[in-house]
Amino acid sequence: MLVFVGLIIVSFVFYFYYKTKQFRATLPIRKKWYAAVASFSLGSFIFFFGVNILFVNQSAVTYIVSAVFIILGIAMMITNYKAAKHYHKFVAEETRLNQ
């Protein structure tokens, strides 16, 4: 259980870090890339939180709520991983063109 708490904290720290980088970025593709990476971190936070809930309490309501969190977290992670991978191709080119 302590491992999941650590992963939850790390995920939230990465979310906060990349969200801050997104607000400070000036180039539009880099902003979108930071937003996608931040949303991926938020998805991992939701996923790890859902898995951690399974160990805290054992009831039918807990299983339903944690299943929703796990499914939502996985969906966010997959979607934003694809978006970050797509935008990452253009970040170096955008930086080269704007220097």
PDB file of N, CA and C in Angstrom:
ATOM      1  N   MET A   1       0.813  -1.191   0.000  1.00  0.00           N
ATOM      2  CA  MET A   1       0.000   0.000   0.000  1.00  0.00           C
ATOM      3  C   MET A   1       0.858   1.256   0.000  1.00  0.00           C
ATOM      4  N   LEU A   2       1.978   1.198   0.640  1.00  0.00           N
ATOM      5  CA  LEU A   2       2.857   2.358   0.696  1.00  0.00           C
ATOM      6  C   LEU A   2       3.426   2.682  -0.688  1.00  0.00           C
ATOM      7  N   VAL A   3       3.581   1.657  -1.502  1.00  0.00           N
ATOM      8  CA  VAL A   3       4.072   1.862  -2.861  1.00  0.00           C
ATOM      9  C   VAL A   3       3.071   2.690  -3.663  1.00  0.00           C
ATOM     10  N   PHE A   4       1.787   2.376  -3.531  1.00  0.00           N
ATOM     11  CA  PHE A   4       0.768   3.120  -4.266  1.00  0.00           C
ATOM     12  C   PHE A   4       0.659   4.561  -3.781  1.00  0.00           C
ATOM     13  N   VAL A   5       0.837   4.776  -2.500  1.00  0.00           N
ATOM     14  CA  VAL A   5       0.832   6.143  -1.971  1.00  0.00           C
ATOM     15  C   VAL A   5       1.993   6.933  -2.571  1.00  0.00           C
ATOM     16  N   GLY A   6       3.155   6.312  -2.661  1.00  0.00           N
ATOM     17  CA  GLY A   6       4.307   6.968  -3.286  1.00  0.00           C
ATOM     18  C   GLY A   6       4.062   7.268  -4.755  1.00  0.00           C
ATOM     19  N   LEU A   7       3.456   6.318  -5.478  1.00  0.00           N
ATOM     20  CA  LEU A   7       3.151   6.539  -6.890  1.00  0.00           C
ATOM     21  C   LEU A   7       2.097   7.624  -7.078  1.00  0.00           C
ATOM     22  N   ILE A   8       1.138   7.693  -6.170  1.00  0.00           N
ATOM     23  CA  ILE A   8       0.129   8.754  -6.227  1.00  0.00           C
ATOM     24  C   ILE A   8       0.782  10.118  -6.055  1.00  0.00           C
ATOM     25  N   ILE A   9       1.683  10.224  -5.095  1.00  0.00           N
ATOM     26  CA  ILE A   9       2.367  11.498  -4.846  1.00  0.00           C
ATOM     27  C   ILE A   9       3.254  11.880  -6.026  1.00  0.00           C
ATOM     28  N   VAL A  10       3.996  10.921  -6.564  1.00  0.00           N
ATOM     29  CA  VAL A  10       4.869  11.198  -7.713  1.00  0.00           C
ATOM     30  C   VAL A  10       4.038  11.622  -8.921  1.00  0.00           C
ATOM     31  N   SER A  11       2.915  10.949  -9.154  1.00  0.00           N
ATOM     32  CA  SER A  11       2.047  11.316 -10.278  1.00  0.00           C
ATOM     33  C   SER A  11       1.517  12.732 -10.129  1.00  0.00           C
ATOM     34  N   PHE A  12       1.106  13.093  -8.926  1.00  0.00           N
ATOM     35  CA  PHE A  12       0.599  14.441  -8.703  1.00  0.00           C
ATOM     36  C   PHE A  12       1.699  15.484  -8.874  1.00  0.00           C
ATOM     37  N   VAL A  13       2.898  15.174  -8.416  1.00  0.00           N
ATOM     38  CA  VAL A  13       4.017  16.114  -8.575  1.00  0.00           C
ATOM     39  C   VAL A  13       4.332  16.315 -10.049  1.00  0.00           C
ATOM     40  N   PHE A  14       4.347  15.230 -10.848  1.00  0.00           N
ATOM     41  CA  PHE A  14       4.581  15.365 -12.285  1.00  0.00           C
ATOM     42  C   PHE A  14       3.456  16.152 -12.952  1.00  0.00           C
ATOM     43  N   TYR A  15       2.217  15.928 -12.526  1.00  0.00           N
ATOM     44  CA  TYR A  15       1.099  16.695 -13.076  1.00  0.00           C
ATOM     45  C   TYR A  15       1.290  18.185 -12.808  1.00  0.00           C
ATOM     46  N   PHE A  16       1.598  18.529 -11.582  1.00  0.00           N
ATOM     47  CA  PHE A  16       1.794  19.932 -11.218  1.00  0.00           C
ATOM     48  C   PHE A  16       2.979  20.531 -11.969  1.00  0.00           C
ATOM     49  N   TYR A  17       4.062  19.772 -12.111  1.00  0.00           N
ATOM     50  CA  TYR A  17       5.253  20.256 -12.811  1.00  0.00           C
ATOM     51  C   TYR A  17       4.948  20.552 -14.278  1.00  0.00           C
ATOM     52  N   TYR A  18       4.328  19.601 -14.967  1.00  0.00           N
ATOM     53  CA  TYR A  18       4.064  19.797 -16.391  1.00  0.00           C
ATOM     54  C   TYR A  18       2.956  20.823 -16.639  1.00  0.00           C
ATOM     55  N   LYS A  19       2.019  20.944 -15.727  1.00  0.00           N
ATOM     56  CA  LYS A  19       1.000  21.979 -15.875  1.00  0.00           C
ATOM     57  C   LYS A  19       1.627  23.364 -15.730  1.00  0.00           C
ATOM     58  N   THR A  20       2.563  23.508 -14.819  1.00  0.00           N
ATOM     59  CA  THR A  20       3.279  24.760 -14.663  1.00  0.00           C
ATOM     60  C   THR A  20       4.107  25.071 -15.908  1.00  0.00           C
ATOM     61  N   LYS A  21       4.772  24.039 -16.449  1.00  0.00           N
ATOM     62  CA  LYS A  21       5.550  24.225 -17.676  1.00  0.00           C
ATOM     63  C   LYS A  21       4.640  24.616 -18.840  1.00  0.00           C
ATOM     64  N   GLN A  22       3.435  24.065 -18.873  1.00  0.00           N
ATOM     65  CA  GLN A  22       2.488  24.405 -19.934  1.00  0.00           C
ATOM     66  C   GLN A  22       2.123  25.876 -19.873  1.00  0.00           C
ATOM     67  N   PHE A  23       1.845  26.401 -18.693  1.00  0.00           N
ATOM     68  CA  PHE A  23       1.471  27.802 -18.562  1.00  0.00           C
ATOM     69  C   PHE A  23       2.624  28.744 -18.893  1.00  0.00           C
ATOM     70  N   ARG A  24       3.858  28.292 -18.667  1.00  0.00           N
ATOM     71  CA  ARG A  24       5.011  29.151 -18.908  1.00  0.00           C
ATOM     72  C   ARG A  24       5.525  29.066 -20.339  1.00  0.00           C
ATOM     73  N   ALA A  25       5.128  28.037 -21.085  1.00  0.00           N
ATOM     74  CA  ALA A  25       5.611  27.865 -22.458  1.00  0.00           C
ATOM     75  C   ALA A  25       4.986  28.922 -23.375  1.00  0.00           C
ATOM     76  N   THR A  26       5.756  29.324 -24.372  1.00  0.00           N
ATOM     77  CA  THR A  26       5.251  30.332 -25.308  1.00  0.00           C
ATOM     78  C   THR A  26       4.917  29.735 -26.672  1.00  0.00           C
ATOM     79  N   LEU A  27       5.532  28.624 -27.034  1.00  0.00           N
ATOM     80  CA  LEU A  27       5.296  28.012 -28.334  1.00  0.00           C
ATOM     81  C   LEU A  27       4.056  27.110 -28.277  1.00  0.00           C
ATOM     82  N   PRO A  28       3.183  27.175 -29.267  1.00  0.00           N
ATOM     83  CA  PRO A  28       1.898  26.473 -29.186  1.00  0.00           C
ATOM     84  C   PRO A  28       1.993  24.948 -29.176  1.00  0.00           C
ATOM     85  N   ILE A  29       2.889  24.370 -29.971  1.00  0.00           N
ATOM     86  CA  ILE A  29       3.000  22.906 -29.980  1.00  0.00           C
ATOM     87  C   ILE A  29       3.592  22.415 -28.667  1.00  0.00           C
ATOM     88  N   ARG A  30       4.566  23.146 -28.159  1.00  0.00           N
ATOM     89  CA  ARG A  30       5.152  22.771 -26.870  1.00  0.00           C
ATOM     90  C   ARG A  30       4.106  22.853 -25.758  1.00  0.00           C
ATOM     91  N   LYS A  31       3.213  23.847 -25.822  1.00  0.00           N
ATOM     92  CA  LYS A  31       2.118  23.947 -24.841  1.00  0.00           C
ATOM     93  C   LYS A  31       1.215  22.723 -24.915  1.00  0.00           C
ATOM     94  N   LYS A  32       0.883  22.303 -26.131  1.00  0.00           N
ATOM     95  CA  LYS A  32       0.025  21.126 -26.295  1.00  0.00           C
ATOM     96  C   LYS A  32       0.721  19.870 -25.809  1.00  0.00           C
ATOM     97  N   TRP A  33       2.036  19.777 -26.045  1.00  0.00           N
ATOM     98  CA  TRP A  33       2.778  18.612 -25.574  1.00  0.00           C
ATOM     99  C   TRP A  33       2.806  18.565 -24.047  1.00  0.00           C
ATOM    100  N   TYR A  34       3.076  19.706 -23.427  1.00  0.00           N
ATOM    101  CA  TYR A  34       3.056  19.759 -21.958  1.00  0.00           C
ATOM    102  C   TYR A  34       1.668  19.434 -21.411  1.00  0.00           C
ATOM    103  N   ALA A  35       0.622  19.913 -22.078  1.00  0.00           N
ATOM    104  CA  ALA A  35      -0.741  19.608 -21.629  1.00  0.00           C
ATOM    105  C   ALA A  35      -1.024  18.114 -21.719  1.00  0.00           C
ATOM    106  N   ALA A  36      -0.562  17.472 -22.785  1.00  0.00           N
ATOM    107  CA  ALA A  36      -0.785  16.031 -22.939  1.00  0.00           C
ATOM    108  C   ALA A  36      -0.020  15.245 -21.886  1.00  0.00           C
ATOM    109  N   VAL A  37       1.216  15.637 -21.609  1.00  0.00           N
ATOM    110  CA  VAL A  37       2.007  14.932 -20.596  1.00  0.00           C
ATOM    111  C   VAL A  37       1.406  15.162 -19.207  1.00  0.00           C
ATOM    112  N   ALA A  38       0.930  16.373 -18.941  1.00  0.00           N
ATOM    113  CA  ALA A  38       0.292  16.651 -17.656  1.00  0.00           C
ATOM    114  C   ALA A  38      -0.987  15.828 -17.496  1.00  0.00           C
ATOM    115  N   SER A  39      -1.762  15.703 -18.558  1.00  0.00           N
ATOM    116  CA  SER A  39      -2.986  14.902 -18.481  1.00  0.00           C
ATOM    117  C   SER A  39      -2.676  13.418 -18.335  1.00  0.00           C
ATOM    118  N   PHE A  40      -1.575  12.964 -18.932  1.00  0.00           N
ATOM    119  CA  PHE A  40      -1.143  11.585 -18.725  1.00  0.00           C
ATOM    120  C   PHE A  40      -0.814  11.355 -17.251  1.00  0.00           C
ATOM    121  N   SER A  41      -0.124  12.313 -16.647  1.00  0.00           N
ATOM    122  CA  SER A  41       0.203  12.205 -15.219  1.00  0.00           C
ATOM    123  C   SER A  41      -1.054  12.225 -14.357  1.00  0.00           C
ATOM    124  N   LEU A  42      -2.035  13.040 -14.744  1.00  0.00           N
ATOM    125  CA  LEU A  42      -3.301  13.063 -14.016  1.00  0.00           C
ATOM    126  C   LEU A  42      -4.018  11.716 -14.149  1.00  0.00           C
ATOM    127  N   GLY A  43      -3.967  11.120 -15.335  1.00  0.00           N
ATOM    128  CA  GLY A  43      -4.557   9.792 -15.536  1.00  0.00           C
ATOM    129  C   GLY A  43      -3.877   8.738 -14.688  1.00  0.00           C
ATOM    130  N   SER A  44      -2.556   8.810 -14.578  1.00  0.00           N
ATOM    131  CA  SER A  44      -1.859   7.848 -13.722  1.00  0.00           C
ATOM    132  C   SER A  44      -2.197   8.080 -12.254  1.00  0.00           C
ATOM    133  N   PHE A  45      -2.386   9.342 -11.864  1.00  0.00           N
ATOM    134  CA  PHE A  45      -2.817   9.647 -10.499  1.00  0.00           C
ATOM    135  C   PHE A  45      -4.173   9.007 -10.204  1.00  0.00           C
ATOM    136  N   ILE A  46      -5.110   9.157 -11.123  1.00  0.00           N
ATOM    137  CA  ILE A  46      -6.448   8.577 -10.938  1.00  0.00           C
ATOM    138  C   ILE A  46      -6.377   7.057 -10.904  1.00  0.00           C
ATOM    139  N   PHE A  47      -5.562   6.469 -11.778  1.00  0.00           N
ATOM    140  CA  PHE A  47      -5.407   5.019 -11.816  1.00  0.00           C
ATOM    141  C   PHE A  47      -4.841   4.484 -10.499  1.00  0.00           C
ATOM    142  N   PHE A  48      -3.733   5.069 -10.035  1.00  0.00           N
ATOM    143  CA  PHE A  48      -3.124   4.607  -8.789  1.00  0.00           C
ATOM    144  C   PHE A  48      -4.031   4.846  -7.591  1.00  0.00           C
ATOM    145  N   PHE A  49      -4.797   5.926  -7.616  1.00  0.00           N
ATOM    146  CA  PHE A  49      -5.749   6.187  -6.545  1.00  0.00           C
ATOM    147  C   PHE A  49      -6.830   5.104  -6.525  1.00  0.00           C
ATOM    148  N   GLY A  50      -7.314   4.714  -7.706  1.00  0.00           N
ATOM    149  CA  GLY A  50      -8.316   3.653  -7.781  1.00  0.00           C
ATOM    150  C   GLY A  50      -7.789   2.324  -7.302  1.00  0.00           C
ATOM    151  N   VAL A  51      -6.543   2.018  -7.632  1.00  0.00           N
ATOM    152  CA  VAL A  51      -5.948   0.762  -7.160  1.00  0.00           C
ATOM    153  C   VAL A  51      -5.744   0.815  -5.648  1.00  0.00           C
ATOM    154  N   ASN A  52      -5.335   1.962  -5.135  1.00  0.00           N
ATOM    155  CA  ASN A  52      -5.122   2.097  -3.691  1.00  0.00           C
ATOM    156  C   ASN A  52      -6.425   1.954  -2.910  1.00  0.00           C
ATOM    157  N   ILE A  53      -7.525   2.418  -3.476  1.00  0.00           N
ATOM    158  CA  ILE A  53      -8.818   2.303  -2.798  1.00  0.00           C
ATOM    159  C   ILE A  53      -9.178   0.830  -2.566  1.00  0.00           C
ATOM    160  N   LEU A  54      -8.779  -0.032  -3.494  1.00  0.00           N
ATOM    161  CA  LEU A  54      -9.090  -1.456  -3.342  1.00  0.00           C
ATOM    162  C   LEU A  54      -8.501  -2.038  -2.067  1.00  0.00           C
ATOM    163  N   PHE A  55      -7.342  -1.547  -1.647  1.00  0.00           N
ATOM    164  CA  PHE A  55      -6.691  -2.083  -0.456  1.00  0.00           C
ATOM    165  C   PHE A  55      -7.182  -1.450   0.837  1.00  0.00           C
ATOM    166  N   VAL A  56      -7.786  -0.285   0.753  1.00  0.00           N
ATOM    167  CA  VAL A  56      -8.206   0.428   1.960  1.00  0.00           C
ATOM    168  C   VAL A  56      -9.497  -0.155   2.532  1.00  0.00           C
ATOM    169  N   ASN A  57     -10.476  -0.379   1.673  1.00  0.00           N
ATOM    170  CA  ASN A  57     -11.776  -0.835   2.141  1.00  0.00           C
ATOM    171  C   ASN A  57     -12.275  -1.932   1.213  1.00  0.00           C
ATOM    172  N   GLN A  58     -12.914  -2.933   1.762  1.00  0.00           N
ATOM    173  CA  GLN A  58     -13.404  -4.063   0.983  1.00  0.00           C
ATOM    174  C   GLN A  58     -14.927  -4.099   1.045  1.00  0.00           C
ATOM    175  N   SER A  59     -15.584  -3.487   0.057  1.00  0.00           N
ATOM    176  CA  SER A  59     -17.036  -3.549  -0.030  1.00  0.00           C
ATOM    177  C   SER A  59     -17.437  -3.420  -1.495  1.00  0.00           C
ATOM    178  N   ALA A  60     -18.704  -3.662  -1.770  1.00  0.00           N
ATOM    179  CA  ALA A  60     -19.181  -3.614  -3.159  1.00  0.00           C
ATOM    180  C   ALA A  60     -19.082  -2.195  -3.728  1.00  0.00           C
ATOM    181  N   VAL A  61     -19.386  -1.202  -2.907  1.00  0.00           N
ATOM    182  CA  VAL A  61     -19.306   0.182  -3.361  1.00  0.00           C
ATOM    183  C   VAL A  61     -17.857   0.548  -3.684  1.00  0.00           C
ATOM    184  N   THR A  62     -16.932   0.083  -2.876  1.00  0.00           N
ATOM    185  CA  THR A  62     -15.521   0.345  -3.112  1.00  0.00           C
ATOM    186  C   THR A  62     -15.076  -0.262  -4.432  1.00  0.00           C
ATOM    187  N   TYR A  63     -15.517  -1.463  -4.715  1.00  0.00           N
ATOM    188  CA  TYR A  63     -15.142  -2.106  -5.974  1.00  0.00           C
ATOM    189  C   TYR A  63     -15.683  -1.332  -7.178  1.00  0.00           C
ATOM    190  N   ILE A  64     -16.882  -0.830  -7.071  1.00  0.00           N
ATOM    191  CA  ILE A  64     -17.478  -0.072  -8.175  1.00  0.00           C
ATOM    192  C   ILE A  64     -16.744   1.253  -8.383  1.00  0.00           C
ATOM    193  N   VAL A  65     -16.505   1.975  -7.307  1.00  0.00           N
ATOM    194  CA  VAL A  65     -15.826   3.271  -7.397  1.00  0.00           C
ATOM    195  C   VAL A  65     -14.395   3.091  -7.899  1.00  0.00           C
ATOM    196  N   SER A  66     -13.691   2.088  -7.375  1.00  0.00           N
ATOM    197  CA  SER A  66     -12.316   1.883  -7.827  1.00  0.00           C
ATOM    198  C   SER A  66     -12.270   1.422  -9.282  1.00  0.00           C
ATOM    199  N   ALA A  67     -13.256   0.634  -9.719  1.00  0.00           N
ATOM    200  CA  ALA A  67     -13.304   0.221 -11.126  1.00  0.00           C
ATOM    201  C   ALA A  67     -13.500   1.434 -12.038  1.00  0.00           C
ATOM    202  N   VAL A  68     -14.341   2.355 -11.623  1.00  0.00           N
ATOM    203  CA  VAL A  68     -14.547   3.580 -12.414  1.00  0.00           C
ATOM    204  C   VAL A  68     -13.251   4.390 -12.476  1.00  0.00           C
ATOM    205  N   PHE A  69     -12.571   4.542 -11.347  1.00  0.00           N
ATOM    206  CA  PHE A  69     -11.316   5.287 -11.327  1.00  0.00           C
ATOM    207  C   PHE A  69     -10.252   4.603 -12.177  1.00  0.00           C
ATOM    208  N   ILE A  70     -10.153   3.303 -12.088  1.00  0.00           N
ATOM    209  CA  ILE A  70      -9.143   2.568 -12.851  1.00  0.00           C
ATOM    210  C   ILE A  70      -9.415   2.679 -14.347  1.00  0.00           C
ATOM    211  N   ILE A  71     -10.655   2.500 -14.753  1.00  0.00           N
ATOM    212  CA  ILE A  71     -10.999   2.588 -16.175  1.00  0.00           C
ATOM    213  C   ILE A  71     -10.779   4.002 -16.700  1.00  0.00           C
ATOM    214  N   LEU A  72     -11.197   5.008 -15.937  1.00  0.00           N
ATOM    215  CA  LEU A  72     -10.997   6.396 -16.338  1.00  0.00           C
ATOM    216  C   LEU A  72      -9.508   6.730 -16.419  1.00  0.00           C
ATOM    217  N   GLY A  73      -8.736   6.272 -15.443  1.00  0.00           N
ATOM    218  CA  GLY A  73      -7.293   6.530 -15.441  1.00  0.00           C
ATOM    219  C   GLY A  73      -6.596   5.887 -16.629  1.00  0.00           C
ATOM    220  N   ILE A  74      -6.950   4.644 -16.938  1.00  0.00           N
ATOM    221  CA  ILE A  74      -6.338   3.963 -18.089  1.00  0.00           C
ATOM    222  C   ILE A  74      -6.721   4.666 -19.383  1.00  0.00           C
ATOM    223  N   ALA A  75      -7.981   5.057 -19.510  1.00  0.00           N
ATOM    224  CA  ALA A  75      -8.418   5.756 -20.723  1.00  0.00           C
ATOM    225  C   ALA A  75      -7.672   7.079 -20.896  1.00  0.00           C
ATOM    226  N   MET A  76      -7.509   7.832 -19.819  1.00  0.00           N
ATOM    227  CA  MET A  76      -6.773   9.098 -19.895  1.00  0.00           C
ATOM    228  C   MET A  76      -5.312   8.869 -20.240  1.00  0.00           C
ATOM    229  N   MET A  77      -4.718   7.833 -19.656  1.00  0.00           N
ATOM    230  CA  MET A  77      -3.312   7.557 -19.926  1.00  0.00           C
ATOM    231  C   MET A  77      -3.095   7.164 -21.387  1.00  0.00           C
ATOM    232  N   ILE A  78      -3.947   6.312 -21.930  1.00  0.00           N
ATOM    233  CA  ILE A  78      -3.794   5.876 -23.322  1.00  0.00           C
ATOM    234  C   ILE A  78      -3.991   7.049 -24.276  1.00  0.00           C
ATOM    235  N   THR A  79      -5.057   7.803 -24.079  1.00  0.00           N
ATOM    236  CA  THR A  79      -5.356   8.930 -24.966  1.00  0.00           C
ATOM    237  C   THR A  79      -4.245   9.975 -24.951  1.00  0.00           C
ATOM    238  N   ASN A  80      -3.792  10.338 -23.773  1.00  0.00           N
ATOM    239  CA  ASN A  80      -2.790  11.396 -23.674  1.00  0.00           C
ATOM    240  C   ASN A  80      -1.392  10.906 -24.014  1.00  0.00           C
ATOM    241  N   TYR A  81      -1.125   9.618 -23.889  1.00  0.00           N
ATOM    242  CA  TYR A  81       0.154   9.075 -24.356  1.00  0.00           C
ATOM    243  C   TYR A  81       0.243   9.217 -25.869  1.00  0.00           C
ATOM    244  N   LYS A  82      -0.844   8.888 -26.554  1.00  0.00           N
ATOM    245  CA  LYS A  82      -0.866   9.024 -28.016  1.00  0.00           C
ATOM    246  C   LYS A  82      -0.721  10.482 -28.433  1.00  0.00           C
ATOM    247  N   ALA A  83      -1.384  11.376 -27.714  1.00  0.00           N
ATOM    248  CA  ALA A  83      -1.282  12.807 -28.036  1.00  0.00           C
ATOM    249  C   ALA A  83       0.131  13.323 -27.779  1.00  0.00           C
ATOM    250  N   ALA A  84       0.732  12.942 -26.666  1.00  0.00           N
ATOM    251  CA  ALA A  84       2.087  13.396 -26.359  1.00  0.00           C
ATOM    252  C   ALA A  84       3.084  12.853 -27.375  1.00  0.00           C
ATOM    253  N   LYS A  85       2.892  11.620 -27.771  1.00  0.00           N
ATOM    254  CA  LYS A  85       3.770  11.020 -28.781  1.00  0.00           C
ATOM    255  C   LYS A  85       3.631  11.755 -30.115  1.00  0.00           C
ATOM    256  N   HIS A  86       2.418  12.137 -30.464  1.00  0.00           N
ATOM    257  CA  HIS A  86       2.178  12.873 -31.703  1.00  0.00           C
ATOM    258  C   HIS A  86       2.826  14.253 -31.668  1.00  0.00           C
ATOM    259  N   TYR A  87       2.604  14.995 -30.591  1.00  0.00           N
ATOM    260  CA  TYR A  87       3.139  16.350 -30.491  1.00  0.00           C
ATOM    261  C   TYR A  87       4.658  16.361 -30.322  1.00  0.00           C
ATOM    262  N   HIS A  88       5.222  15.311 -29.728  1.00  0.00           N
ATOM    263  CA  HIS A  88       6.658  15.272 -29.480  1.00  0.00           C
ATOM    264  C   HIS A  88       7.446  15.292 -30.788  1.00  0.00           C
ATOM    265  N   LYS A  89       6.863  14.777 -31.851  1.00  0.00           N
ATOM    266  CA  LYS A  89       7.529  14.789 -33.154  1.00  0.00           C
ATOM    267  C   LYS A  89       7.778  16.214 -33.653  1.00  0.00           C
ATOM    268  N   PHE A  90       6.906  17.130 -33.274  1.00  0.00           N
ATOM    269  CA  PHE A  90       6.963  18.486 -33.810  1.00  0.00           C
ATOM    270  C   PHE A  90       7.622  19.500 -32.872  1.00  0.00           C
ATOM    271  N   VAL A  91       7.947  19.097 -31.654  1.00  0.00           N
ATOM    272  CA  VAL A  91       8.507  20.047 -30.687  1.00  0.00           C
ATOM    273  C   VAL A  91       9.893  20.533 -31.125  1.00  0.00           C
ATOM    274  N   ALA A  92      10.763  19.619 -31.545  1.00  0.00           N
ATOM    275  CA  ALA A  92      12.111  20.019 -31.963  1.00  0.00           C
ATOM    276  C   ALA A  92      12.054  20.895 -33.217  1.00  0.00           C
ATOM    277  N   GLU A  93      11.188  20.554 -34.132  1.00  0.00           N
ATOM    278  CA  GLU A  93      11.059  21.359 -35.351  1.00  0.00           C
ATOM    279  C   GLU A  93      10.549  22.754 -35.046  1.00  0.00           C
ATOM    280  N   GLU A  94       9.569  22.844 -34.145  1.00  0.00           N
ATOM    281  CA  GLU A  94       9.031  24.155 -33.766  1.00  0.00           C
ATOM    282  C   GLU A  94      10.098  25.000 -33.078  1.00  0.00           C
ATOM    283  N   THR A  95      10.895  24.372 -32.237  1.00  0.00           N
ATOM    284  CA  THR A  95      11.957  25.100 -31.559  1.00  0.00           C
ATOM    285  C   THR A  95      12.994  25.595 -32.561  1.00  0.00           C
ATOM    286  N   ARG A  96      13.340  24.744 -33.523  1.00  0.00           N
ATOM    287  CA  ARG A  96      14.321  25.126 -34.541  1.00  0.00           C
ATOM    288  C   ARG A  96      13.809  26.282 -35.390  1.00  0.00           C
ATOM    289  N   LEU A  97      12.526  26.273 -35.743  1.00  0.00           N
ATOM    290  CA  LEU A  97      11.970  27.326 -36.585  1.00  0.00           C
ATOM    291  C   LEU A  97      11.816  28.665 -35.858  1.00  0.00           C
ATOM    292  N   ASN A  98      11.645  28.630 -34.556  1.00  0.00           N
ATOM    293  CA  ASN A  98      11.386  29.856 -33.796  1.00  0.00           C
ATOM    294  C   ASN A  98      12.613  30.429 -33.112  1.00  0.00           C
ATOM    295  N   GLN A  99      13.775  29.967 -33.455  1.00  0.00           N
ATOM    296  CA  GLN A  99      14.981  30.530 -32.832  1.00  0.00           C
ATOM    297  C   GLN A  99      15.582  31.598 -33.671  1.00  0.00           C
TER     298      GLN A  99
END
